[in-house]
C-alpha cells in the first residue's frame, strides 16, 4: 500500500503489519481544509477490509519537519540500548 490515492481526501503512504489482526497505516488526509499526517492502527474486519481504530495520531503537516527531526533521533538512541534478558 504505497502512495495510493484512496479517495480525493486521502493519500496512502504505507503500512506495517503489527500482527495477524492489526496494521499500522500512514496516510495524508484533508480535514477542515487542512492537510494532516495520520498514523493510525487499523484492524481487519470479517470481509478482509482495513478499518481505522481510535488509536493513532493526526498531525498538522506544518509540524511534520519537527516530528521528522524527533524520529531521526530514534535510531541512534536504539543503538545505545543494552540487550534485554529473555
Protein backbone atom coordinates (compact mmCIF):
# COMPACT_ATOMS: atom_id res chain seq x y z
CA UNK A 1 0.00 0.00 0.00
CA UNK A 2 2.41 2.70 -1.17
CA UNK A 3 1.40 6.23 -2.26
CA UNK A 4 -2.06 5.28 -3.50
CA UNK A 5 -4.93 7.74 -3.71
CA UNK A 6 -7.66 6.09 -1.67
CA UNK A 7 -10.08 8.88 -2.49
CA UNK A 8 -9.94 12.64 -3.04
CA UNK A 9 -9.11 13.31 0.61
CA UNK A 10 -6.66 10.52 1.48
CA UNK A 11 -3.23 9.56 0.18
CA UNK A 12 -1.96 6.21 1.45
CA UNK A 13 1.76 6.35 2.26
CA UNK A 14 2.35 2.86 3.65
CA UNK A 15 1.54 0.26 6.26
CA UNK A 16 3.23 -2.11 8.70
CA UNK A 17 1.55 -5.33 9.87
CA UNK A 18 1.64 -5.42 13.68
CA UNK A 19 0.16 -8.91 13.98
CA UNK A 20 -2.43 -11.07 12.22
CA UNK A 21 -5.26 -8.62 13.03
CA UNK A 22 -3.72 -5.15 13.31
CA UNK A 23 -1.91 -2.91 10.82
CA UNK A 24 -0.29 0.49 11.36
CA UNK A 25 -1.31 2.75 8.45
CA UNK A 26 0.31 6.06 7.45
CA UNK A 27 -1.80 8.46 5.37
CA UNK A 28 -2.06 12.10 4.42
CA UNK A 29 -5.62 13.34 4.92
CA UNK A 30 -7.56 16.54 4.39
CA UNK A 31 -9.77 17.66 7.27
CA UNK A 32 -11.41 21.08 7.53
CA UNK A 33 -9.37 22.27 4.54
CA UNK A 34 -6.01 21.36 6.16
CA UNK A 35 -3.56 18.54 5.47
CA UNK A 36 -2.73 16.07 8.23
CA UNK A 37 -0.30 13.21 8.60
CA UNK A 38 -2.36 10.38 10.08
CA UNK A 39 -0.64 7.41 11.74
CA UNK A 40 -3.32 5.04 12.96
CA UNK A 41 -3.90 1.45 14.00
CA UNK A 42 -6.34 -0.40 11.71
CA UNK A 43 -7.99 -3.78 12.20
CA UNK A 44 -9.11 -6.26 9.55
CA UNK A 45 -12.88 -6.76 9.54
CA UNK A 46 -14.69 -10.02 8.67
CA UNK A 47 -14.69 -9.10 4.96
CA UNK A 48 -10.92 -8.54 4.99
CA UNK A 49 -11.09 -4.73 4.82
CA UNK A 50 -8.84 -2.49 6.93
CA UNK A 51 -10.86 -0.30 9.30
CA UNK A 52 -9.38 2.52 11.43
CA UNK A 53 -9.44 2.50 15.22
CA UNK A 54 -9.25 5.45 17.60
CA UNK A 55 -5.63 4.53 18.40
CA UNK A 56 -3.35 6.87 16.50
CA UNK A 57 -2.39 10.46 15.88
CA UNK A 58 -3.20 13.12 13.30
CA UNK A 59 -0.52 15.78 12.96
CA UNK A 60 -0.87 19.03 11.02
CA UNK A 61 1.68 18.67 8.21
CA UNK A 62 3.07 22.08 9.16
CA UNK A 63 4.60 20.19 12.14
CA UNK A 64 5.99 17.33 10.02
CA UNK A 65 9.61 18.54 9.96
CA UNK A 66 9.55 18.85 13.75
CA UNK A 67 8.25 15.28 14.07
CA UNK A 68 10.76 14.01 11.50
CA UNK A 69 13.63 15.57 13.47
CA UNK A 70 12.50 13.65 16.57
CA UNK A 71 12.15 10.40 14.61
CA UNK A 72 15.65 10.87 13.16
CA UNK A 73 16.95 10.78 16.77
CA UNK A 74 15.34 7.39 17.48
CA UNK A 75 17.84 5.22 15.55
CA UNK A 76 20.93 6.40 17.46
CA UNK A 77 19.07 6.01 20.76
CA UNK A 78 18.01 2.46 19.86
CA UNK A 79 21.64 1.63 19.05
CA UNK A 80 22.61 2.65 22.63
CA UNK A 81 20.09 0.32 24.30
CA UNK A 82 21.52 -2.70 26.12
CA UNK A 83 20.12 -6.12 25.20
CA UNK A 84 17.19 -7.32 27.30
CA UNK A 85 17.21 -10.65 29.02
CA UNK A 86 14.80 -13.24 27.63
